Protein backbone atom coordinates (compact mmCIF):
# COMPACT_ATOMS: atom_id res chain seq x y z
CA MET A 1 -37.93 -4.91 25.10
CA LYS A 2 -40.55 -7.65 24.75
CA GLU A 3 -39.97 -11.21 25.87
CA GLN A 4 -41.25 -12.47 22.51
CA TYR A 5 -37.86 -11.37 21.10
CA VAL A 6 -35.72 -13.42 23.49
CA GLY A 7 -33.33 -15.54 21.47
CA ASP A 8 -33.95 -14.12 18.00
CA ILE A 9 -31.11 -13.12 15.67
CA SER A 10 -31.10 -9.50 16.81
CA ASP A 11 -30.90 -10.72 20.40
CA TYR A 12 -27.86 -12.78 19.47
CA ARG A 13 -26.10 -9.68 18.11
CA LYS A 14 -27.21 -7.56 21.09
CA TYR A 15 -25.91 -9.94 23.74
CA ALA A 16 -22.70 -10.55 21.77
CA LEU A 17 -22.06 -6.81 21.84
CA LEU A 18 -22.84 -6.56 25.56
CA ARG A 19 -20.56 -9.52 26.26
CA ALA A 20 -17.78 -7.81 24.34
CA LEU A 21 -18.23 -4.55 26.23
CA ALA A 22 -18.36 -6.38 29.57
CA ALA A 23 -14.85 -7.73 28.90
CA ASP A 24 -15.35 -10.77 31.14
CA GLY A 25 -16.69 -8.57 33.93
CA ALA A 26 -13.98 -5.90 33.84
CA ASN A 27 -16.66 -3.37 32.90
CA ARG A 28 -19.73 -3.47 35.12
CA ILE A 29 -22.91 -3.29 33.06
CA GLY A 30 -26.42 -2.49 34.26
CA VAL A 31 -29.18 -3.75 31.94
CA CYS A 32 -32.44 -1.79 32.03
CA TRP A 33 -34.76 -4.00 30.02
CA MET A 34 -37.59 -1.43 29.77
CA LEU A 35 -39.89 -4.45 29.48
CA THR A 36 -43.28 -3.97 27.79
CA PRO A 37 -46.08 -6.52 27.17
CA SER A 38 -46.20 -8.74 24.10
CA ASP A 39 -48.03 -7.09 21.22
CA GLY A 40 -49.57 -10.34 19.98
CA THR A 41 -47.69 -10.30 16.68
CA THR A 42 -45.29 -12.91 15.31
CA ASP A 43 -42.38 -10.48 15.60
CA GLY A 44 -39.50 -12.12 17.42
CA ASN A 45 -39.71 -15.40 15.56
CA LYS A 46 -36.44 -14.87 13.68
CA LEU A 47 -34.97 -18.08 15.08
CA ALA A 48 -33.93 -19.85 11.87
CA TYR A 49 -30.27 -19.07 12.59
CA LEU A 50 -30.39 -21.50 15.55
CA ALA A 51 -31.02 -24.38 13.12
CA GLN A 52 -27.75 -23.52 11.35
CA PRO A 53 -25.09 -23.87 14.05
CA GLU A 54 -22.44 -24.57 11.43
CA LYS A 55 -22.99 -21.05 10.09
CA HIS A 56 -23.77 -19.03 13.21
CA ARG A 57 -22.43 -20.73 16.34
CA ALA A 58 -18.77 -19.82 15.83
CA PHE A 59 -19.40 -16.10 16.37
CA ASP A 60 -20.03 -16.72 20.08
CA PRO A 61 -20.44 -20.43 20.89
CA ALA A 62 -21.34 -20.03 24.57
CA LEU A 63 -23.96 -17.40 23.82
CA PHE A 64 -25.37 -19.38 20.89
CA ASP A 65 -25.90 -22.40 23.16
CA ILE A 66 -27.63 -20.28 25.80
CA LEU A 67 -30.06 -18.83 23.25
CA ALA A 68 -30.66 -22.18 21.56
CA GLN A 69 -31.65 -23.69 24.89
CA ALA A 70 -33.92 -20.76 25.69
CA ALA A 71 -35.65 -20.81 22.30
CA ALA A 72 -36.22 -24.57 22.39
CA ASP A 73 -38.73 -24.23 25.22
CA PRO A 74 -41.35 -21.45 25.06
CA ASP A 75 -41.43 -21.36 28.85
CA ARG A 76 -37.72 -20.48 28.85
CA ARG A 77 -38.02 -17.54 26.42
CA ARG A 78 -37.87 -15.19 29.36
CA LEU A 79 -35.49 -12.49 30.45
CA GLU A 80 -34.79 -14.43 33.63
CA THR A 81 -33.24 -17.16 31.47
CA ILE A 82 -30.73 -14.66 30.10
CA GLU A 83 -30.02 -13.19 33.52
CA GLU A 84 -29.50 -16.55 35.22
CA SER A 85 -27.32 -17.88 32.40
CA GLY A 86 -24.50 -15.43 33.06
CA ALA A 87 -24.56 -14.47 29.39
CA ILE A 88 -23.36 -10.96 30.26
CA PRO A 89 -20.56 -11.44 32.82
CA GLY A 90 -21.11 -9.57 36.06
CA ALA A 91 -24.18 -7.70 34.80
CA ARG A 92 -26.96 -6.35 36.99
CA TYR A 93 -30.55 -6.18 35.78
CA LEU A 94 -33.77 -4.28 36.25
CA ASN A 95 -36.48 -6.49 34.79
CA GLY A 96 -39.71 -4.91 35.99
CA SER A 97 -42.34 -3.87 33.47
CA LEU A 98 -42.42 -0.27 32.29
CA SER A 99 -45.81 1.38 31.83
CA ASP A 100 -46.87 4.57 30.03
CA ASP A 101 -47.79 6.29 33.31
CA ALA A 102 -45.44 9.22 34.01
CA ASP A 103 -45.28 8.72 37.79
CA GLU A 104 -44.66 5.00 37.44
CA ARG A 105 -41.96 5.73 34.90
CA GLN A 106 -40.21 8.10 37.30
CA ALA A 107 -40.31 5.43 40.02
CA TYR A 108 -38.90 2.93 37.53
CA MET A 109 -35.97 5.17 36.65
CA ASP A 110 -35.34 5.91 40.34
CA ALA A 111 -35.14 2.16 40.96
CA CYS A 112 -32.76 1.88 38.02
CA ARG A 113 -30.42 4.48 39.50
CA VAL A 114 -30.32 2.60 42.81
CA ALA A 115 -29.82 -0.80 41.18
CA PHE A 116 -26.99 0.45 38.96
CA ALA A 117 -25.25 2.77 41.42
CA ASP A 118 -21.90 0.97 41.11
CA THR A 119 -21.99 0.09 37.42
CA ASP A 120 -19.84 1.64 34.68
CA LEU A 121 -22.26 1.36 31.77
CA VAL A 122 -26.07 1.39 31.71
CA PHE A 123 -27.81 -0.26 28.75
CA PHE A 124 -31.32 0.92 27.89
CA ASP A 125 -33.31 -1.56 25.80
CA PRO A 126 -36.53 0.21 24.71
CA ASP A 127 -38.80 -1.23 22.04
CA ASN A 128 -37.99 1.56 19.58
CA GLY A 129 -35.15 3.73 20.85
CA LEU A 130 -34.72 7.45 21.49
CA GLU A 131 -37.76 9.59 22.16
CA VAL A 132 -39.62 11.14 19.25
CA PRO A 133 -40.63 14.83 19.38
CA SER A 134 -44.34 14.09 19.03
CA LEU A 135 -44.54 11.85 22.12
CA ARG A 136 -44.05 13.03 25.69
CA ALA A 137 -43.46 10.86 28.74
CA GLY A 138 -46.78 9.76 30.17
CA ARG A 139 -48.51 9.52 26.80
CA LYS A 140 -49.66 6.27 25.19
CA ASN A 141 -46.72 4.23 23.85
CA SER A 142 -44.15 6.43 25.62
CA SER A 143 -42.85 3.24 27.28
CA LYS A 144 -41.37 2.26 23.91
CA TYR A 145 -38.77 5.02 24.13
CA VAL A 146 -35.97 6.24 26.35
CA PHE A 147 -36.00 10.00 26.89
CA LEU A 148 -33.06 12.33 26.54
CA ASP A 149 -33.43 13.76 30.03
CA GLU A 150 -33.18 10.20 31.41
CA ILE A 151 -29.95 9.64 29.50
CA ARG A 152 -28.64 12.97 30.78
CA ALA A 153 -29.47 12.03 34.39
CA PHE A 154 -27.41 8.83 34.23
CA TYR A 155 -24.58 10.42 32.28
CA GLU A 156 -24.25 13.22 34.82
CA THR A 157 -23.57 10.65 37.54
CA GLY A 158 -20.45 9.59 35.61
CA LYS A 159 -21.90 6.60 33.79
CA SER A 160 -21.56 5.67 30.16
CA VAL A 161 -24.82 4.78 28.43
CA LEU A 162 -25.66 2.33 25.64
CA ILE A 163 -29.00 2.67 23.83
CA TYR A 164 -30.88 0.26 21.58
CA GLN A 165 -32.21 2.12 18.53
CA HIS A 166 -34.30 0.42 15.86
CA PHE A 167 -33.78 1.75 12.34
CA PRO A 168 -36.89 3.45 10.96
CA ARG A 169 -37.54 3.52 7.23
CA VAL A 170 -35.35 6.54 6.51
CA GLU A 171 -31.88 7.06 5.09
CA ARG A 172 -29.61 5.51 7.68
CA GLU A 173 -26.53 7.70 7.56
CA ALA A 174 -28.62 10.82 8.09
CA PHE A 175 -30.63 9.11 10.83
CA VAL A 176 -27.54 8.03 12.78
CA SER A 177 -26.03 11.50 12.43
CA ALA A 178 -29.24 13.04 13.78
CA CYS A 179 -29.19 10.65 16.75
CA VAL A 180 -25.60 11.60 17.46
CA GLU A 181 -26.44 15.30 17.43
CA ARG A 182 -29.33 14.76 19.84
CA LEU A 183 -27.09 12.84 22.22
CA ARG A 184 -24.36 15.45 21.89
CA ALA A 185 -26.80 18.00 23.31
CA VAL A 186 -27.15 16.04 26.58
CA ALA A 187 -23.57 14.74 26.77
CA PRO A 188 -21.35 17.41 25.14
CA ASP A 189 -18.06 15.99 26.38
CA ALA A 190 -18.81 12.34 25.55
CA SER A 191 -17.36 10.13 22.85
CA LEU A 192 -20.34 8.98 20.79
CA TRP A 193 -20.10 5.67 18.96
CA ALA A 194 -22.62 3.95 16.67
CA PHE A 195 -22.62 0.13 16.52
CA ARG A 196 -24.59 -0.79 13.41
CA THR A 197 -26.26 -4.11 12.63
CA LYS A 198 -28.86 -5.08 10.04
CA HIS A 199 -31.93 -3.64 11.75
CA VAL A 200 -30.53 -1.83 14.79
CA VAL A 201 -27.92 0.72 15.75
CA PHE A 202 -26.56 0.69 19.30
CA LEU A 203 -25.55 4.16 20.44
CA LEU A 204 -22.76 4.35 22.98
CA VAL A 205 -22.38 7.54 25.01
CA ALA A 206 -18.94 7.04 26.54
CA HIS A 207 -18.25 9.22 29.56
CA PRO A 208 -14.80 10.86 29.60
CA ASP A 209 -14.19 9.30 33.03
CA ALA A 210 -14.99 5.79 31.78
CA ARG A 211 -12.46 3.09 32.50
CA ALA A 212 -9.89 2.55 29.79
CA THR A 213 -11.10 -1.04 29.66
CA LEU A 214 -14.36 0.12 28.07
CA ALA A 215 -12.63 1.65 25.05
CA GLU A 216 -10.33 -1.34 24.86
CA ALA A 217 -13.28 -3.72 24.91
CA ALA A 218 -14.95 -1.77 22.12
CA LYS A 219 -11.80 -1.91 20.01
CA THR A 220 -10.90 -5.56 20.46
CA GLY A 221 -13.93 -7.46 21.73
CA ALA A 222 -15.50 -8.21 18.35
CA SER A 223 -12.43 -8.82 16.22
CA ARG A 224 -13.63 -12.38 15.59
CA TRP A 225 -16.91 -11.27 13.94
CA ASP A 226 -17.31 -10.94 10.21
CA THR A 227 -19.81 -8.76 8.39
CA SER A 228 -22.36 -11.53 7.90
CA PHE A 229 -22.92 -11.72 11.66
CA LEU A 230 -23.54 -8.01 12.03
CA THR A 231 -25.59 -7.27 8.95
CA GLY A 232 -26.62 -10.53 7.35
CA ALA A 233 -24.62 -9.48 4.28
CA GLU A 234 -22.80 -12.07 2.22
CA ARG A 235 -19.94 -9.73 1.42
CA ASN A 236 -18.51 -6.41 2.52
CA THR A 237 -19.12 -3.24 0.52
CA PRO A 238 -17.13 -0.01 0.51
CA SER A 239 -18.31 2.73 2.84
CA THR A 240 -17.43 6.31 3.67
CA SER A 241 -14.92 6.22 6.52
CA HIS A 242 -14.69 8.33 9.67
CA PRO A 243 -11.58 9.13 11.74
CA ASP A 244 -10.91 6.83 14.66
CA PRO A 245 -10.23 9.11 17.67
CA MET A 246 -8.18 6.37 19.31
CA THR A 247 -5.77 5.80 16.39
CA ASP A 248 -6.58 8.43 13.73
CA GLU A 249 -7.19 5.54 11.33
CA PRO A 250 -10.30 5.42 9.13
CA VAL A 251 -13.34 3.74 10.61
CA GLY A 252 -16.33 2.48 8.63
CA ASP A 253 -19.81 1.24 9.37
CA ALA A 254 -20.87 -2.39 9.69
CA ASN A 255 -20.53 -2.93 5.95
CA ASP A 256 -17.02 -1.52 5.77
CA ASN A 257 -13.97 -3.73 5.37
CA GLY A 258 -11.61 -1.17 6.85
CA GLY A 259 -11.35 1.31 4.01
CA GLY A 260 -10.54 -1.07 1.16
CA GLY A 261 -12.66 -2.48 -1.62
CA ALA A 262 -15.33 -5.17 -1.37
CA SER A 263 -14.16 -8.58 -0.19
CA ALA A 264 -15.91 -11.92 -0.25
CA ASN A 265 -13.68 -13.16 2.57
CA PRO A 266 -13.36 -10.35 5.10
CA LYS A 267 -10.48 -10.70 7.55
CA PRO A 268 -10.89 -10.11 11.28
CA ALA A 269 -10.43 -6.49 12.32
CA SER A 270 -10.84 -4.42 15.43
CA LEU A 271 -14.38 -3.48 16.42
CA LEU A 272 -13.68 0.16 15.61
CA ARG A 273 -12.64 -0.65 12.03
CA ARG A 274 -15.40 -3.15 11.38
CA LEU A 275 -18.43 -2.22 13.46
CA LEU A 276 -18.38 1.42 14.38
CA GLY A 277 -19.00 4.77 12.85
CA CYS A 278 -17.37 6.95 15.49
CA PHE A 279 -18.32 10.60 15.93
CA ARG A 280 -16.34 13.14 17.96
């Protein structure tokens, strides 16, 4: 995570998802920002949506107003603004900077475990996502990734884990499937869910001992969102469906309208039917 992204359109989707999963504080979320320095680029300036409240505010009015206020003042485009706003009900945060040094990284993750000892779900927000085979912890740019052994360590303490994963320029279905298989190796008894948006997939590793409220929040929390919020698409398109382990009903990706044909006016649906490709 870089502070230059605070308030952009992907941030809006990210916090909306976290708010849904928090279920007004019923599910205790720990947010590990994995903060890295600004890279000096103009990335993170996708703020045009804030000038169109008539189009975007209705998806989550309270969150929209928080982000609009933060983006209006460069000095407020900080993670502390999000934390202090209560945007994610009941959340705890670790907002220190993460370096490439292996020892410092270990200390960072140790601090994370202490800070989130009594949370239900830990969200990792790396710049890029899951580790890549060519880059080990301690190497240059390793701070941009979360490593599988780190996910395993949190999962083995009984916590569910949510991971930010940027889409690389590869075929997306195959990429998500590969991510799922990698996570399955470290959490073999988990339910693995993929929340897909235009540029990002959020990977949920749901522990079998997770509160029932977490699955319920995933199913119902985003029923008010239409496809344009998640993907920027103007209309839904058909998609290959997957079985919903909660209901045995078909589940599609973010462009799916629940198994039917394309629709210019998608109706609200549960998060599992609209947002998730769910893998068992």
